PDB file of N, CA and C in Angstrom:
ATOM      1  N   MET A   1       0.857  -1.172   0.000  1.00  0.00           N
ATOM      2  CA  MET A   1       0.000   0.000   0.000  1.00  0.00           C
ATOM      3  C   MET A   1       0.901   1.232   0.000  1.00  0.00           C
ATOM      4  N   SER A   2       0.616   2.214  -0.859  1.00  0.00           N
ATOM      5  CA  SER A   2       1.472   3.389  -0.963  1.00  0.00           C
ATOM      6  C   SER A   2       1.254   4.333   0.208  1.00  0.00           C
ATOM      7  N   LEU A   3       2.201   5.238   0.375  1.00  0.00           N
ATOM      8  CA  LEU A   3       2.110   6.200   1.467  1.00  0.00           C
ATOM      9  C   LEU A   3       0.910   7.130   1.319  1.00  0.00           C
ATOM     10  N   GLU A   4       0.509   7.397   0.066  1.00  0.00           N
ATOM     11  CA  GLU A   4      -0.612   8.304  -0.161  1.00  0.00           C
ATOM     12  C   GLU A   4      -1.928   7.731   0.331  1.00  0.00           C
ATOM     13  N   VAL A   5      -2.076   6.412   0.291  1.00  0.00           N
ATOM     14  CA  VAL A   5      -3.341   5.816   0.714  1.00  0.00           C
ATOM     15  C   VAL A   5      -3.303   5.301   2.144  1.00  0.00           C
ATOM     16  N   MET A   6      -2.149   5.364   2.748  1.00  0.00           N
ATOM     17  CA  MET A   6      -2.054   4.901   4.133  1.00  0.00           C
ATOM     18  C   MET A   6      -2.555   5.977   5.078  1.00  0.00           C
ATOM     19  N   LEU A   7      -3.253   5.549   6.067  1.00  0.00           N
ATOM     20  CA  LEU A   7      -3.705   6.446   7.128  1.00  0.00           C
ATOM     21  C   LEU A   7      -2.862   6.145   8.342  1.00  0.00           C
ATOM     22  N   LEU A   8      -2.127   7.169   8.751  1.00  0.00           N
ATOM     23  CA  LEU A   8      -1.267   6.976   9.905  1.00  0.00           C
ATOM     24  C   LEU A   8      -1.849   7.743  11.075  1.00  0.00           C
ATOM     25  N   ILE A   9      -2.204   7.020  12.086  1.00  0.00           N
ATOM     26  CA  ILE A   9      -2.673   7.673  13.306  1.00  0.00           C
ATOM     27  C   ILE A   9      -1.760   7.220  14.430  1.00  0.00           C
ATOM     28  N   ALA A  10      -1.028   8.152  14.936  1.00  0.00           N
ATOM     29  CA  ALA A  10      -0.146   7.850  16.051  1.00  0.00           C
ATOM     30  C   ALA A  10      -0.695   8.579  17.265  1.00  0.00           C
ATOM     31  N   VAL A  11      -1.000   7.831  18.274  1.00  0.00           N
ATOM     32  CA  VAL A  11      -1.529   8.437  19.487  1.00  0.00           C
ATOM     33  C   VAL A  11      -0.523   8.172  20.598  1.00  0.00           C
ATOM     34  N   VAL A  12      -0.058   9.239  21.177  1.00  0.00           N
ATOM     35  CA  VAL A  12       0.934   9.125  22.233  1.00  0.00           C
ATOM     36  C   VAL A  12       0.330   9.685  23.521  1.00  0.00           C
ATOM     37  N   PHE A  13       0.301   8.872  24.534  1.00  0.00           N
ATOM     38  CA  PHE A  13      -0.214   9.296  25.830  1.00  0.00           C
ATOM     39  C   PHE A  13       0.975   9.538  26.770  1.00  0.00           C
ATOM     40  N   VAL A  14       0.992  10.675  27.374  1.00  0.00           N
ATOM     41  CA  VAL A  14       2.026  10.981  28.348  1.00  0.00           C
ATOM     42  C   VAL A  14       1.328  11.302  29.666  1.00  0.00           C
ATOM     43  N   HIS A  15       1.567  10.481  30.655  1.00  0.00           N
ATOM     44  CA  HIS A  15       0.912  10.693  31.945  1.00  0.00           C
ATOM     45  C   HIS A  15       1.531  11.900  32.633  1.00  0.00           C
ATOM     46  N   THR A  16       0.689  12.820  33.066  1.00  0.00           N
ATOM     47  CA  THR A  16       1.166  14.066  33.661  1.00  0.00           C
ATOM     48  C   THR A  16       0.906  14.116  35.161  1.00  0.00           C
ATOM     49  N   GLY A  17       0.451  13.041  35.750  1.00  0.00           N
ATOM     50  CA  GLY A  17       0.176  13.046  37.170  1.00  0.00           C
ATOM     51  C   GLY A  17      -1.249  13.443  37.496  1.00  0.00           C
ATOM     52  N   SER A  18      -2.029  13.722  36.489  1.00  0.00           N
ATOM     53  CA  SER A  18      -3.446  14.020  36.674  1.00  0.00           C
ATOM     54  C   SER A  18      -4.242  13.103  35.756  1.00  0.00           C
ATOM     55  N   ASP A  19      -5.531  13.350  35.674  1.00  0.00           N
ATOM     56  CA  ASP A  19      -6.360  12.515  34.807  1.00  0.00           C
ATOM     57  C   ASP A  19      -6.288  12.923  33.346  1.00  0.00           C
ATOM     58  N   ALA A  20      -5.702  14.069  33.050  1.00  0.00           N
ATOM     59  CA  ALA A  20      -5.595  14.535  31.666  1.00  0.00           C
ATOM     60  C   ALA A  20      -4.285  14.039  31.046  1.00  0.00           C
ATOM     61  N   HIS A  21      -4.342  13.795  29.752  1.00  0.00           N
ATOM     62  CA  HIS A  21      -3.167  13.312  29.027  1.00  0.00           C
ATOM     63  C   HIS A  21      -2.855  14.252  27.876  1.00  0.00           C
ATOM     64  N   ASN A  22      -1.612  14.214  27.425  1.00  0.00           N
ATOM     65  CA  ASN A  22      -1.210  14.902  26.199  1.00  0.00           C
ATOM     66  C   ASN A  22      -1.286  13.867  25.087  1.00  0.00           C
ATOM     67  N   ILE A  23      -2.069  14.161  24.072  1.00  0.00           N
ATOM     68  CA  ILE A  23      -2.305  13.202  22.997  1.00  0.00           C
ATOM     69  C   ILE A  23      -1.861  13.819  21.682  1.00  0.00           C
ATOM     70  N   LEU A  24      -1.016  13.099  20.960  1.00  0.00           N
ATOM     71  CA  LEU A  24      -0.556  13.536  19.650  1.00  0.00           C
ATOM     72  C   LEU A  24      -1.157  12.610  18.605  1.00  0.00           C
ATOM     73  N   VAL A  25      -1.829  13.207  17.612  1.00  0.00           N
ATOM     74  CA  VAL A  25      -2.448  12.442  16.531  1.00  0.00           C
ATOM     75  C   VAL A  25      -1.852  12.934  15.213  1.00  0.00           C
ATOM     76  N   ALA A  26      -1.353  12.017  14.397  1.00  0.00           N
ATOM     77  CA  ALA A  26      -0.815  12.359  13.080  1.00  0.00           C
ATOM     78  C   ALA A  26      -1.618  11.617  12.025  1.00  0.00           C
ATOM     79  N   VAL A  27      -2.330  12.370  11.185  1.00  0.00           N
ATOM     80  CA  VAL A  27      -3.132  11.785  10.105  1.00  0.00           C
ATOM     81  C   VAL A  27      -2.495  12.265   8.802  1.00  0.00           C
ATOM     82  N   SER A  28      -1.753  11.385   8.159  1.00  0.00           N
ATOM     83  CA  SER A  28      -1.007  11.793   6.967  1.00  0.00           C
ATOM     84  C   SER A  28      -1.815  11.690   5.678  1.00  0.00           C
ATOM     85  N   HIS A  29      -2.865  10.892   5.684  1.00  0.00           N
ATOM     86  CA  HIS A  29      -3.654  10.699   4.465  1.00  0.00           C
ATOM     87  C   HIS A  29      -4.437  11.968   4.134  1.00  0.00           C
ATOM     88  N   PRO A  30      -4.375  12.456   2.889  1.00  0.00           N
ATOM     89  CA  PRO A  30      -5.059  13.704   2.534  1.00  0.00           C
ATOM     90  C   PRO A  30      -6.547  13.547   2.235  1.00  0.00           C
ATOM     91  N   GLY A  31      -7.117  12.375   2.440  1.00  0.00           N
ATOM     92  CA  GLY A  31      -8.539  12.165   2.176  1.00  0.00           C
ATOM     93  C   GLY A  31      -9.383  12.570   3.378  1.00  0.00           C
ATOM     94  N   VAL A  32     -10.356  13.426   3.134  1.00  0.00           N
ATOM     95  CA  VAL A  32     -11.184  13.950   4.224  1.00  0.00           C
ATOM     96  C   VAL A  32     -12.007  12.849   4.890  1.00  0.00           C
ATOM     97  N   SER A  33     -12.422  11.848   4.147  1.00  0.00           N
ATOM     98  CA  SER A  33     -13.253  10.792   4.730  1.00  0.00           C
ATOM     99  C   SER A  33     -12.494  10.021   5.812  1.00  0.00           C
ATOM    100  N   HIS A  34     -11.201   9.807   5.604  1.00  0.00           N
ATOM    101  CA  HIS A  34     -10.399   9.112   6.605  1.00  0.00           C
ATOM    102  C   HIS A  34     -10.288   9.956   7.875  1.00  0.00           C
ATOM    103  N   PHE A  35     -10.114  11.253   7.692  1.00  0.00           N
ATOM    104  CA  PHE A  35      -9.995  12.142   8.855  1.00  0.00           C
ATOM    105  C   PHE A  35     -11.319  12.235   9.601  1.00  0.00           C
ATOM    106  N   LYS A  36     -12.413  12.410   8.865  1.00  0.00           N
ATOM    107  CA  LYS A  36     -13.731  12.598   9.485  1.00  0.00           C
ATOM    108  C   LYS A  36     -14.150  11.388  10.316  1.00  0.00           C
ATOM    109  N   SER A  37     -13.700  10.204   9.935  1.00  0.00           N
ATOM    110  CA  SER A  37     -14.100   9.010  10.681  1.00  0.00           C
ATOM    111  C   SER A  37     -13.533   8.993  12.101  1.00  0.00           C
ATOM    112  N   TYR A  38     -12.475   9.747  12.353  1.00  0.00           N
ATOM    113  CA  TYR A  38     -11.868   9.797  13.679  1.00  0.00           C
ATOM    114  C   TYR A  38     -11.985  11.163  14.353  1.00  0.00           C
ATOM    115  N   GLU A  39     -12.434  12.158  13.625  1.00  0.00           N
ATOM    116  CA  GLU A  39     -12.463  13.525  14.145  1.00  0.00           C
ATOM    117  C   GLU A  39     -13.255  13.637  15.449  1.00  0.00           C
ATOM    118  N   ASN A  40     -14.405  12.981  15.536  1.00  0.00           N
ATOM    119  CA  ASN A  40     -15.207  13.056  16.767  1.00  0.00           C
ATOM    120  C   ASN A  40     -14.449  12.512  17.972  1.00  0.00           C
ATOM    121  N   LEU A  41     -13.652  11.491  17.774  1.00  0.00           N
ATOM    122  CA  LEU A  41     -12.840  10.954  18.859  1.00  0.00           C
ATOM    123  C   LEU A  41     -11.878  12.020  19.372  1.00  0.00           C
ATOM    124  N   PHE A  42     -11.184  12.694  18.438  1.00  0.00           N
ATOM    125  CA  PHE A  42     -10.227  13.732  18.826  1.00  0.00           C
ATOM    126  C   PHE A  42     -10.932  14.854  19.589  1.00  0.00           C
ATOM    127  N   LEU A  43     -12.093  15.284  19.074  1.00  0.00           N
ATOM    128  CA  LEU A  43     -12.847  16.374  19.693  1.00  0.00           C
ATOM    129  C   LEU A  43     -13.366  15.978  21.074  1.00  0.00           C
ATOM    130  N   CYS A  44     -13.841  14.750  21.212  1.00  0.00           N
ATOM    131  CA  CYS A  44     -14.340  14.274  22.514  1.00  0.00           C
ATOM    132  C   CYS A  44     -13.216  14.201  23.540  1.00  0.00           C
ATOM    133  N   LEU A  45     -12.047  13.757  23.118  1.00  0.00           N
ATOM    134  CA  LEU A  45     -10.913  13.710  24.042  1.00  0.00           C
ATOM    135  C   LEU A  45     -10.564  15.107  24.540  1.00  0.00           C
ATOM    136  N   ALA A  46     -10.580  16.087  23.636  1.00  0.00           N
ATOM    137  CA  ALA A  46     -10.305  17.477  24.037  1.00  0.00           C
ATOM    138  C   ALA A  46     -11.394  17.986  24.973  1.00  0.00           C
ATOM    139  N   LYS A  47     -12.635  17.653  24.669  1.00  0.00           N
ATOM    140  CA  LYS A  47     -13.757  18.090  25.507  1.00  0.00           C
ATOM    141  C   LYS A  47     -13.662  17.498  26.916  1.00  0.00           C
ATOM    142  N   LYS A  48     -13.109  16.294  27.025  1.00  0.00           N
ATOM    143  CA  LYS A  48     -12.954  15.634  28.326  1.00  0.00           C
ATOM    144  C   LYS A  48     -11.773  16.183  29.127  1.00  0.00           C
ATOM    145  N   GLY A  49     -11.020  17.124  28.527  1.00  0.00           N
ATOM    146  CA  GLY A  49      -9.930  17.762  29.256  1.00  0.00           C
ATOM    147  C   GLY A  49      -8.536  17.342  28.846  1.00  0.00           C
ATOM    148  N   HIS A  50      -8.426  16.420  27.910  1.00  0.00           N
ATOM    149  CA  HIS A  50      -7.106  16.015  27.431  1.00  0.00           C
ATOM    150  C   HIS A  50      -6.564  17.080  26.479  1.00  0.00           C
ATOM    151  N   ASN A  51      -5.241  17.229  26.445  1.00  0.00           N
ATOM    152  CA  ASN A  51      -4.600  18.151  25.506  1.00  0.00           C
ATOM    153  C   ASN A  51      -4.322  17.381  24.220  1.00  0.00           C
ATOM    154  N   VAL A  52      -5.064  17.710  23.157  1.00  0.00           N
ATOM    155  CA  VAL A  52      -4.992  16.971  21.897  1.00  0.00           C
ATOM    156  C   VAL A  52      -4.308  17.843  20.847  1.00  0.00           C
ATOM    157  N   THR A  53      -3.242  17.336  20.264  1.00  0.00           N
ATOM    158  CA  THR A  53      -2.562  18.001  19.150  1.00  0.00           C
ATOM    159  C   THR A  53      -2.749  17.116  17.932  1.00  0.00           C
ATOM    160  N   VAL A  54      -3.333  17.692  16.869  1.00  0.00           N
ATOM    161  CA  VAL A  54      -3.641  16.935  15.665  1.00  0.00           C
ATOM    162  C   VAL A  54      -2.842  17.499  14.493  1.00  0.00           C
ATOM    163  N   ILE A  55      -2.056  16.641  13.855  1.00  0.00           N
ATOM    164  CA  ILE A  55      -1.313  16.996  12.642  1.00  0.00           C
ATOM    165  C   ILE A  55      -2.096  16.400  11.487  1.00  0.00           C
ATOM    166  N   SER A  56      -2.647  17.277  10.620  1.00  0.00           N
ATOM    167  CA  SER A  56      -3.464  16.766   9.517  1.00  0.00           C
ATOM    168  C   SER A  56      -3.590  17.807   8.413  1.00  0.00           C
ATOM    169  N   HIS A  57      -4.303  17.415   7.364  1.00  0.00           N
ATOM    170  CA  HIS A  57      -4.602  18.311   6.245  1.00  0.00           C
ATOM    171  C   HIS A  57      -5.882  19.097   6.489  1.00  0.00           C
ATOM    172  N   PHE A  58      -6.554  18.870   7.613  1.00  0.00           N
ATOM    173  CA  PHE A  58      -7.882  19.441   7.845  1.00  0.00           C
ATOM    174  C   PHE A  58      -7.980  20.135   9.200  1.00  0.00           C
ATOM    175  N   PRO A  59      -7.408  21.337   9.322  1.00  0.00           N
ATOM    176  CA  PRO A  59      -7.506  22.057  10.589  1.00  0.00           C
ATOM    177  C   PRO A  59      -8.951  22.484  10.865  1.00  0.00           C
ATOM    178  N   GLN A  60      -9.276  22.630  12.142  1.00  0.00           N
ATOM    179  CA  GLN A  60     -10.611  23.091  12.527  1.00  0.00           C
ATOM    180  C   GLN A  60     -10.798  24.543  12.084  1.00  0.00           C
ATOM    181  N   LYS A  61     -12.032  24.910  11.782  1.00  0.00           N
ATOM    182  CA  LYS A  61     -12.321  26.267  11.325  1.00  0.00           C
ATOM    183  C   LYS A  61     -12.322  27.276  12.475  1.00  0.00           C
ATOM    184  N   LYS A  62     -12.625  26.809  13.705  1.00  0.00           N
ATOM    185  CA  LYS A  62     -12.579  27.703  14.857  1.00  0.00           C
ATOM    186  C   LYS A  62     -11.787  27.045  15.982  1.00  0.00           C
ATOM    187  N   LEU A  63     -11.304  27.864  16.893  1.00  0.00           N
ATOM    188  CA  LEU A  63     -10.505  27.365  18.001  1.00  0.00           C
ATOM    189  C   LEU A  63     -11.356  26.519  18.942  1.00  0.00           C
ATOM    190  N   ILE A  64     -10.761  25.454  19.418  1.00  0.00           N
ATOM    191  CA  ILE A  64     -11.421  24.546  20.353  1.00  0.00           C
ATOM    192  C   ILE A  64     -10.494  24.386  21.551  1.00  0.00           C
ATOM    193  N   ARG A  65     -11.054  24.526  22.733  1.00  0.00           N
ATOM    194  CA  ARG A  65     -10.257  24.404  23.954  1.00  0.00           C
ATOM    195  C   ARG A  65      -9.606  23.022  24.024  1.00  0.00           C
ATOM    196  N   ASN A  66      -8.340  22.986  24.392  1.00  0.00           N
ATOM    197  CA  ASN A  66      -7.537  21.763  24.551  1.00  0.00           C
ATOM    198  C   ASN A  66      -7.235  21.060  23.221  1.00  0.00           C
ATOM    199  N   TYR A  67      -7.525  21.692  22.092  1.00  0.00           N
ATOM    200  CA  TYR A  67      -7.327  21.081  20.769  1.00  0.00           C
ATOM    201  C   TYR A  67      -6.402  21.996  19.978  1.00  0.00           C
ATOM    202  N   ARG A  68      -5.284  21.464  19.530  1.00  0.00           N
ATOM    203  CA  ARG A  68      -4.321  22.255  18.768  1.00  0.00           C
ATOM    204  C   ARG A  68      -4.120  21.607  17.402  1.00  0.00           C
ATOM    205  N   ASP A  69      -4.240  22.424  16.355  1.00  0.00           N
ATOM    206  CA  ASP A  69      -4.031  21.936  14.993  1.00  0.00           C
ATOM    207  C   ASP A  69      -2.633  22.281  14.513  1.00  0.00           C
ATOM    208  N   ILE A  70      -2.025  21.351  13.821  1.00  0.00           N
ATOM    209  CA  ILE A  70      -0.818  21.616  13.046  1.00  0.00           C
ATOM    210  C   ILE A  70      -1.177  21.205  11.627  1.00  0.00           C
ATOM    211  N   SER A  71      -1.360  22.197  10.768  1.00  0.00           N
ATOM    212  CA  SER A  71      -1.834  21.938   9.413  1.00  0.00           C
ATOM    213  C   SER A  71      -0.686  21.581   8.478  1.00  0.00           C
ATOM    214  N   ILE A  72      -0.886  20.510   7.720  1.00  0.00           N
ATOM    215  CA  ILE A  72       0.062  20.142   6.659  1.00  0.00           C
ATOM    216  C   ILE A  72      -0.644  20.225   5.304  1.00  0.00           C
ATOM    217  N   ARG A  73      -1.717  21.007   5.264  1.00  0.00           N
ATOM    218  CA  ARG A  73      -2.536  21.134   4.064  1.00  0.00           C
ATOM    219  C   ARG A  73      -1.723  21.543   2.835  1.00  0.00           C
ATOM    220  N   GLU A  74      -0.805  22.462   2.976  1.00  0.00           N
ATOM    221  CA  GLU A  74      -0.015  22.929   1.833  1.00  0.00           C
ATOM    222  C   GLU A  74       0.979  21.893   1.337  1.00  0.00           C
ATOM    223  N   ASP A  75       1.183  20.833   2.119  1.00  0.00           N
ATOM    224  CA  ASP A  75       2.106  19.782   1.703  1.00  0.00           C
ATOM    225  C   ASP A  75       1.478  18.804   0.714  1.00  0.00           C
ATOM    226  N   ILE A  76       0.177  18.947   0.463  1.00  0.00           N
ATOM    227  CA  ILE A  76      -0.495  18.053  -0.483  1.00  0.00           C
ATOM    228  C   ILE A  76       0.050  18.341  -1.881  1.00  0.00           C
ATOM    229  N   PRO A  77       0.421  17.304  -2.630  1.00  0.00           N
ATOM    230  CA  PRO A  77       0.989  17.543  -3.958  1.00  0.00           C
ATOM    231  C   PRO A  77      -0.034  18.061  -4.971  1.00  0.00           C
ATOM    232  N   TYR A  78      -1.281  18.046  -4.635  1.00  0.00           N
ATOM    233  CA  TYR A  78      -2.320  18.569  -5.503  1.00  0.00           C
ATOM    234  C   TYR A  78      -3.336  19.303  -4.635  1.00  0.00           C
ATOM    235  N   ARG A  79      -4.096  20.173  -5.237  1.00  0.00           N
ATOM    236  CA  ARG A  79      -5.100  20.931  -4.503  1.00  0.00           C
ATOM    237  C   ARG A  79      -6.472  20.349  -4.810  1.00  0.00           C
ATOM    238  N   TYR A  80      -7.319  20.263  -3.806  1.00  0.00           N
ATOM    239  CA  TYR A  80      -8.649  19.712  -4.003  1.00  0.00           C
ATOM    240  C   TYR A  80      -9.465  20.542  -4.983  1.00  0.00           C
ATOM    241  N   ASP A  81      -9.243  21.865  -4.976  1.00  0.00           N
ATOM    242  CA  ASP A  81      -9.942  22.724  -5.936  1.00  0.00           C
ATOM    243  C   ASP A  81      -9.553  22.363  -7.362  1.00  0.00           C
ATOM    244  N   ASP A  82      -8.278  22.054  -7.573  1.00  0.00           N
ATOM    245  CA  ASP A  82      -7.805  21.658  -8.900  1.00  0.00           C
ATOM    246  C   ASP A  82      -8.464  20.355  -9.342  1.00  0.00           C
ATOM    247  N   ILE A  83      -8.581  19.424  -8.423  1.00  0.00           N
ATOM    248  CA  ILE A  83      -9.210  18.140  -8.744  1.00  0.00           C
ATOM    249  C   ILE A  83     -10.671  18.356  -9.117  1.00  0.00           C
ATOM    250  N   LEU A  84     -11.364  19.208  -8.359  1.00  0.00           N
ATOM    251  CA  LEU A  84     -12.765  19.505  -8.653  1.00  0.00           C
ATOM    252  C   LEU A  84     -12.905  20.138 -10.036  1.00  0.00           C
ATOM    253  N   GLU A  85     -12.037  21.066 -10.364  1.00  0.00           N
ATOM    254  CA  GLU A  85     -12.087  21.706 -11.684  1.00  0.00           C
ATOM    255  C   GLU A  85     -11.815  20.693 -12.801  1.00  0.00           C
ATOM    256  N   ARG A  86     -10.856  19.815 -12.585  1.00  0.00           N
ATOM    257  CA  ARG A  86     -10.560  18.785 -13.588  1.00  0.00           C
ATOM    258  C   ARG A  86     -11.754  17.844 -13.761  1.00  0.00           C
ATOM    259  N   PHE A  87     -12.397  17.504 -12.663  1.00  0.00           N
ATOM    260  CA  PHE A  87     -13.563  16.635 -12.720  1.00  0.00           C
ATOM    261  C   PHE A  87     -14.700  17.310 -13.489  1.00  0.00           C
ATOM    262  N   LYS A  88     -14.961  18.582 -13.206  1.00  0.00           N
ATOM    263  CA  LYS A  88     -16.006  19.325 -13.911  1.00  0.00           C
ATOM    264  C   LYS A  88     -15.695  19.389 -15.405  1.00  0.00           C
ATOM    265  N   SER A  89     -14.446  19.656 -15.724  1.00  0.00           N
ATOM    266  CA  SER A  89     -14.035  19.739 -17.124  1.00  0.00           C
ATOM    267  C   SER A  89     -14.216  18.393 -17.823  1.00  0.00           C
ATOM    268  N   ALA A  90     -13.871  17.311 -17.142  1.00  0.00           N
ATOM    269  CA  ALA A  90     -14.034  15.981 -17.726  1.00  0.00           C
ATOM    270  C   ALA A  90     -15.510  15.665 -17.938  1.00  0.00           C
ATOM    271  N   CYS A  91     -16.367  16.083 -17.009  1.00  0.00           N
ATOM    272  CA  CYS A  91     -17.812  15.857 -17.155  1.00  0.00           C
ATOM    273  C   CYS A  91     -18.373  16.625 -18.346  1.00  0.00           C
ATOM    274  N   VAL A  92     -17.945  17.870 -18.506  1.00  0.00           N
ATOM    275  CA  VAL A  92     -18.399  18.676 -19.648  1.00  0.00           C
ATOM    276  C   VAL A  92     -17.928  18.039 -20.942  1.00  0.00           C
ATOM    277  N   HIS A  93     -16.687  17.602 -20.973  1.00  0.00           N
ATOM    278  CA  HIS A  93     -16.138  16.973 -22.172  1.00  0.00           C
ATOM    279  C   HIS A  93     -16.908  15.672 -22.483  1.00  0.00           C
ATOM    280  N   LEU A  94     -17.183  14.866 -21.490  1.00  0.00           N
ATOM    281  CA  LEU A  94     -17.924  13.632 -21.683  1.00  0.00           C
ATOM    282  C   LEU A  94     -19.342  13.929 -22.185  1.00  0.00           C
ATOM    283  N   HIS A  95     -19.974  14.946 -21.605  1.00  0.00           N
ATOM    284  CA  HIS A  95     -21.313  15.335 -22.046  1.00  0.00           C
ATOM    285  C   HIS A  95     -21.316  15.750 -23.519  1.00  0.00           C
ATOM    286  N   MET A  96     -20.289  16.497 -23.931  1.00  0.00           N
ATOM    287  CA  MET A  96     -20.186  16.933 -25.324  1.00  0.00           C
ATOM    288  C   MET A  96     -19.994  15.718 -26.238  1.00  0.00           C
ATOM    289  N   LEU A  97     -19.211  14.748 -25.811  1.00  0.00           N
ATOM    290  CA  LEU A  97     -18.980  13.551 -26.621  1.00  0.00           C
ATOM    291  C   LEU A  97     -20.245  12.709 -26.789  1.00  0.00           C
ATOM    292  N   LEU A  98     -21.043  12.651 -25.726  1.00  0.00           N
ATOM    293  CA  LEU A  98     -22.255  11.842 -25.755  1.00  0.00           C
ATOM    294  C   LEU A  98     -23.444  12.540 -26.405  1.00  0.00           C
ATOM    295  N   SER A  99     -23.352  13.848 -26.585  1.00  0.00           N
ATOM    296  CA  SER A  99     -24.480  14.598 -27.179  1.00  0.00           C
ATOM    297  C   SER A  99     -24.510  14.489 -28.683  1.00  0.00           C
TER     298      SER A  99
END
């Protein structure tokens, strides 16, 4: 399986002497569906008081207490907007061919 399709989630717990933990999550896959399937877990952990740091292509739109984003969005070799435009163009071209 190539690195592009692999989903890497590394969770590191560091006991701090209290009930809260420092949690590091690294999601390297640029597909939003892979991230969304675990996002609620990350958010719930932060809501419960754990310090959650998430490295991903999908930073939160607003600040969340105990949740820190490290965005690697610009590291994607392609832009999702570009893919959408290419898809639209291919659909128009296919429609013209079939008409």
